[in-house]
């Protein structure tokens, strides 16, 4: 196993990024308890902090947890939060928008 040396400013930046990501996950988990079990598109966009247009764009992609009820989009809260966490993790915590 190789040992990597980094300077103090890089270490501080890495710690700050990790703490920021963890804090975001904690906020999401805390606010999840206040959400209804099935979200509207508007509610899901607000949770993800993206535009409604972007949410509908994601909803057209395979793997997005949404149920079409006629012309209305219903999004199961737990599946959406799991999808959001997975897709954020794949982008190193950066928004997937």
C-alpha atoms as a PDB file:
ATOM      1  CA  UNK A   1       0.000   0.000   0.000  1.00  0.00           C
ATOM      2  CA  UNK A   2       1.424   3.373  -1.009  1.00  0.00           C
ATOM      3  CA  UNK A   3       1.352   6.362   1.290  1.00  0.00           C
ATOM      4  CA  UNK A   4       0.286   9.632  -0.286  1.00  0.00           C
ATOM      5  CA  UNK A   5       1.430  12.950   1.097  1.00  0.00           C
ATOM      6  CA  UNK A   6      -0.828  15.960   0.766  1.00  0.00           C
ATOM      7  CA  UNK A   7      -0.423  19.446   2.073  1.00  0.00           C
ATOM      8  CA  UNK A   8      -2.579  20.932   4.803  1.00  0.00           C
ATOM      9  CA  UNK A   9      -4.766  23.035   2.495  1.00  0.00           C
ATOM     10  CA  UNK A  10      -5.666  19.990   0.366  1.00  0.00           C
ATOM     11  CA  UNK A  11      -6.456  17.978   3.489  1.00  0.00           C
ATOM     12  CA  UNK A  12      -8.689  20.757   4.813  1.00  0.00           C
ATOM     13  CA  UNK A  13     -10.477  20.974   1.454  1.00  0.00           C
ATOM     14  CA  UNK A  14     -11.081  17.197   1.377  1.00  0.00           C
ATOM     15  CA  UNK A  15     -12.406  17.187   4.939  1.00  0.00           C
ATOM     16  CA  UNK A  16     -14.657  20.167   4.178  1.00  0.00           C
ATOM     17  CA  UNK A  17     -16.084  18.434   1.089  1.00  0.00           C
ATOM     18  CA  UNK A  18     -16.776  15.200   2.979  1.00  0.00           C
ATOM     19  CA  UNK A  19     -18.385  17.015   5.904  1.00  0.00           C
ATOM     20  CA  UNK A  20     -20.523  19.037   3.520  1.00  0.00           C
ATOM     21  CA  UNK A  21     -21.744  15.864   1.791  1.00  0.00           C
ATOM     22  CA  UNK A  22     -22.527  14.203   5.131  1.00  0.00           C
ATOM     23  CA  UNK A  23     -24.355  17.273   6.378  1.00  0.00           C
ATOM     24  CA  UNK A  24     -26.447  17.306   3.212  1.00  0.00           C
ATOM     25  CA  UNK A  25     -27.366  13.650   3.731  1.00  0.00           C
ATOM     26  CA  UNK A  26     -28.326  14.346   7.347  1.00  0.00           C
ATOM     27  CA  UNK A  27     -30.548  17.249   6.309  1.00  0.00           C
ATOM     28  CA  UNK A  28     -32.178  15.101   3.653  1.00  0.00           C
ATOM     29  CA  UNK A  29     -32.830  12.295   6.148  1.00  0.00           C
ATOM     30  CA  UNK A  30     -34.235  14.729   8.704  1.00  0.00           C
ATOM     31  CA  UNK A  31     -36.549  16.397   6.209  1.00  0.00           C
ATOM     32  CA  UNK A  32     -37.627  13.009   4.770  1.00  0.00           C
ATOM     33  CA  UNK A  33     -39.607  12.317   7.926  1.00  0.00           C
ATOM     34  CA  UNK A  34     -41.714  15.409   7.204  1.00  0.00           C
ATOM     35  CA  UNK A  35     -42.518  14.380   3.613  1.00  0.00           C
ATOM     36  CA  UNK A  36     -45.646  12.511   2.522  1.00  0.00           C
ATOM     37  CA  UNK A  37     -45.132   8.878   1.403  1.00  0.00           C
ATOM     38  CA  UNK A  38     -45.920   9.818  -2.213  1.00  0.00           C
ATOM     39  CA  UNK A  39     -44.580  13.070  -3.645  1.00  0.00           C
ATOM     40  CA  UNK A  40     -45.876  15.273  -6.403  1.00  0.00           C
ATOM     41  CA  UNK A  41     -43.431  16.346  -9.085  1.00  0.00           C
ATOM     42  CA  UNK A  42     -43.304  19.808  -7.523  1.00  0.00           C
ATOM     43  CA  UNK A  43     -42.489  18.392  -4.069  1.00  0.00           C
ATOM     44  CA  UNK A  44     -39.790  16.093  -5.472  1.00  0.00           C
ATOM     45  CA  UNK A  45     -38.193  18.962  -7.392  1.00  0.00           C
ATOM     46  CA  UNK A  46     -38.121  21.030  -4.215  1.00  0.00           C
ATOM     47  CA  UNK A  47     -36.484  18.188  -2.251  1.00  0.00           C
ATOM     48  CA  UNK A  48     -33.844  17.696  -4.957  1.00  0.00           C
ATOM     49  CA  UNK A  49     -33.405  21.460  -5.352  1.00  0.00           C
ATOM     50  CA  UNK A  50     -33.866  21.288  -9.088  1.00  0.00           C
ATOM     51  CA  UNK A  51     -36.341  22.874 -11.463  1.00  0.00           C
ATOM     52  CA  UNK A  52     -39.625  21.170 -12.244  1.00  0.00           C
ATOM     53  CA  UNK A  53     -38.502  20.959 -15.883  1.00  0.00           C
ATOM     54  CA  UNK A  54     -35.332  19.086 -14.843  1.00  0.00           C
ATOM     55  CA  UNK A  55     -37.363  16.694 -12.682  1.00  0.00           C
ATOM     56  CA  UNK A  56     -39.594  15.801 -15.646  1.00  0.00           C
ATOM     57  CA  UNK A  57     -36.437  15.300 -17.697  1.00  0.00           C
ATOM     58  CA  UNK A  58     -35.130  12.835 -15.085  1.00  0.00           C
ATOM     59  CA  UNK A  59     -38.546  11.134 -14.951  1.00  0.00           C
ATOM     60  CA  UNK A  60     -38.175  10.149 -18.611  1.00  0.00           C
ATOM     61  CA  UNK A  61     -34.957   8.258 -17.848  1.00  0.00           C
ATOM     62  CA  UNK A  62     -34.944   4.527 -17.090  1.00  0.00           C
ATOM     63  CA  UNK A  63     -34.599   3.773 -13.401  1.00  0.00           C
ATOM     64  CA  UNK A  64     -36.282   6.929 -12.149  1.00  0.00           C
ATOM     65  CA  UNK A  65     -38.876   5.954  -9.522  1.00  0.00           C
ATOM     66  CA  UNK A  66     -42.110   7.447 -10.802  1.00  0.00           C
ATOM     67  CA  UNK A  67     -45.653   6.260 -11.354  1.00  0.00           C
ATOM     68  CA  UNK A  68     -47.811   7.846 -14.044  1.00  0.00           C
ATOM     69  CA  UNK A  69     -51.381   8.357 -12.855  1.00  0.00           C
ATOM     70  CA  UNK A  70     -52.961   9.522 -16.085  1.00  0.00           C
ATOM     71  CA  UNK A  71     -51.060  12.721 -16.823  1.00  0.00           C
ATOM     72  CA  UNK A  72     -49.967  13.146 -13.207  1.00  0.00           C
ATOM     73  CA  UNK A  73     -46.587  11.966 -11.958  1.00  0.00           C
ATOM     74  CA  UNK A  74     -46.497  10.315  -8.518  1.00  0.00           C
ATOM     75  CA  UNK A  75     -43.129   9.654  -6.912  1.00  0.00           C
ATOM     76  CA  UNK A  76     -42.750   7.251  -3.970  1.00  0.00           C
ATOM     77  CA  UNK A  77     -40.749   9.146  -1.325  1.00  0.00           C
ATOM     78  CA  UNK A  78     -38.434   6.345  -0.176  1.00  0.00           C
ATOM     79  CA  UNK A  79     -37.610   5.155  -3.692  1.00  0.00           C
ATOM     80  CA  UNK A  80     -36.989   8.746  -4.805  1.00  0.00           C
ATOM     81  CA  UNK A  81     -34.661   9.478  -1.878  1.00  0.00           C
ATOM     82  CA  UNK A  82     -32.748   6.257  -2.576  1.00  0.00           C
ATOM     83  CA  UNK A  83     -32.484   7.184  -6.275  1.00  0.00           C
ATOM     84  CA  UNK A  84     -31.350  10.678  -5.355  1.00  0.00           C
ATOM     85  CA  UNK A  85     -28.690   9.360  -2.980  1.00  0.00           C
ATOM     86  CA  UNK A  86     -27.427   6.827  -5.497  1.00  0.00           C
ATOM     87  CA  UNK A  87     -27.219   9.311  -8.345  1.00  0.00           C
ATOM     88  CA  UNK A  88     -25.581  11.954  -6.167  1.00  0.00           C
ATOM     89  CA  UNK A  89     -23.017   9.376  -4.999  1.00  0.00           C
ATOM     90  CA  UNK A  90     -22.218   8.471  -8.609  1.00  0.00           C
ATOM     91  CA  UNK A  91     -21.458  12.152  -9.208  1.00  0.00           C
ATOM     92  CA  UNK A  92     -19.225  12.453  -6.104  1.00  0.00           C
ATOM     93  CA  UNK A  93     -21.912  14.328  -4.207  1.00  0.00           C
ATOM     94  CA  UNK A  94     -22.338  16.928  -6.941  1.00  0.00           C
ATOM     95  CA  UNK A  95     -25.887  17.644  -8.098  1.00  0.00           C
ATOM     96  CA  UNK A  96     -26.920  15.268 -10.861  1.00  0.00           C
ATOM     97  CA  UNK A  97     -28.589  18.106 -12.763  1.00  0.00           C
END
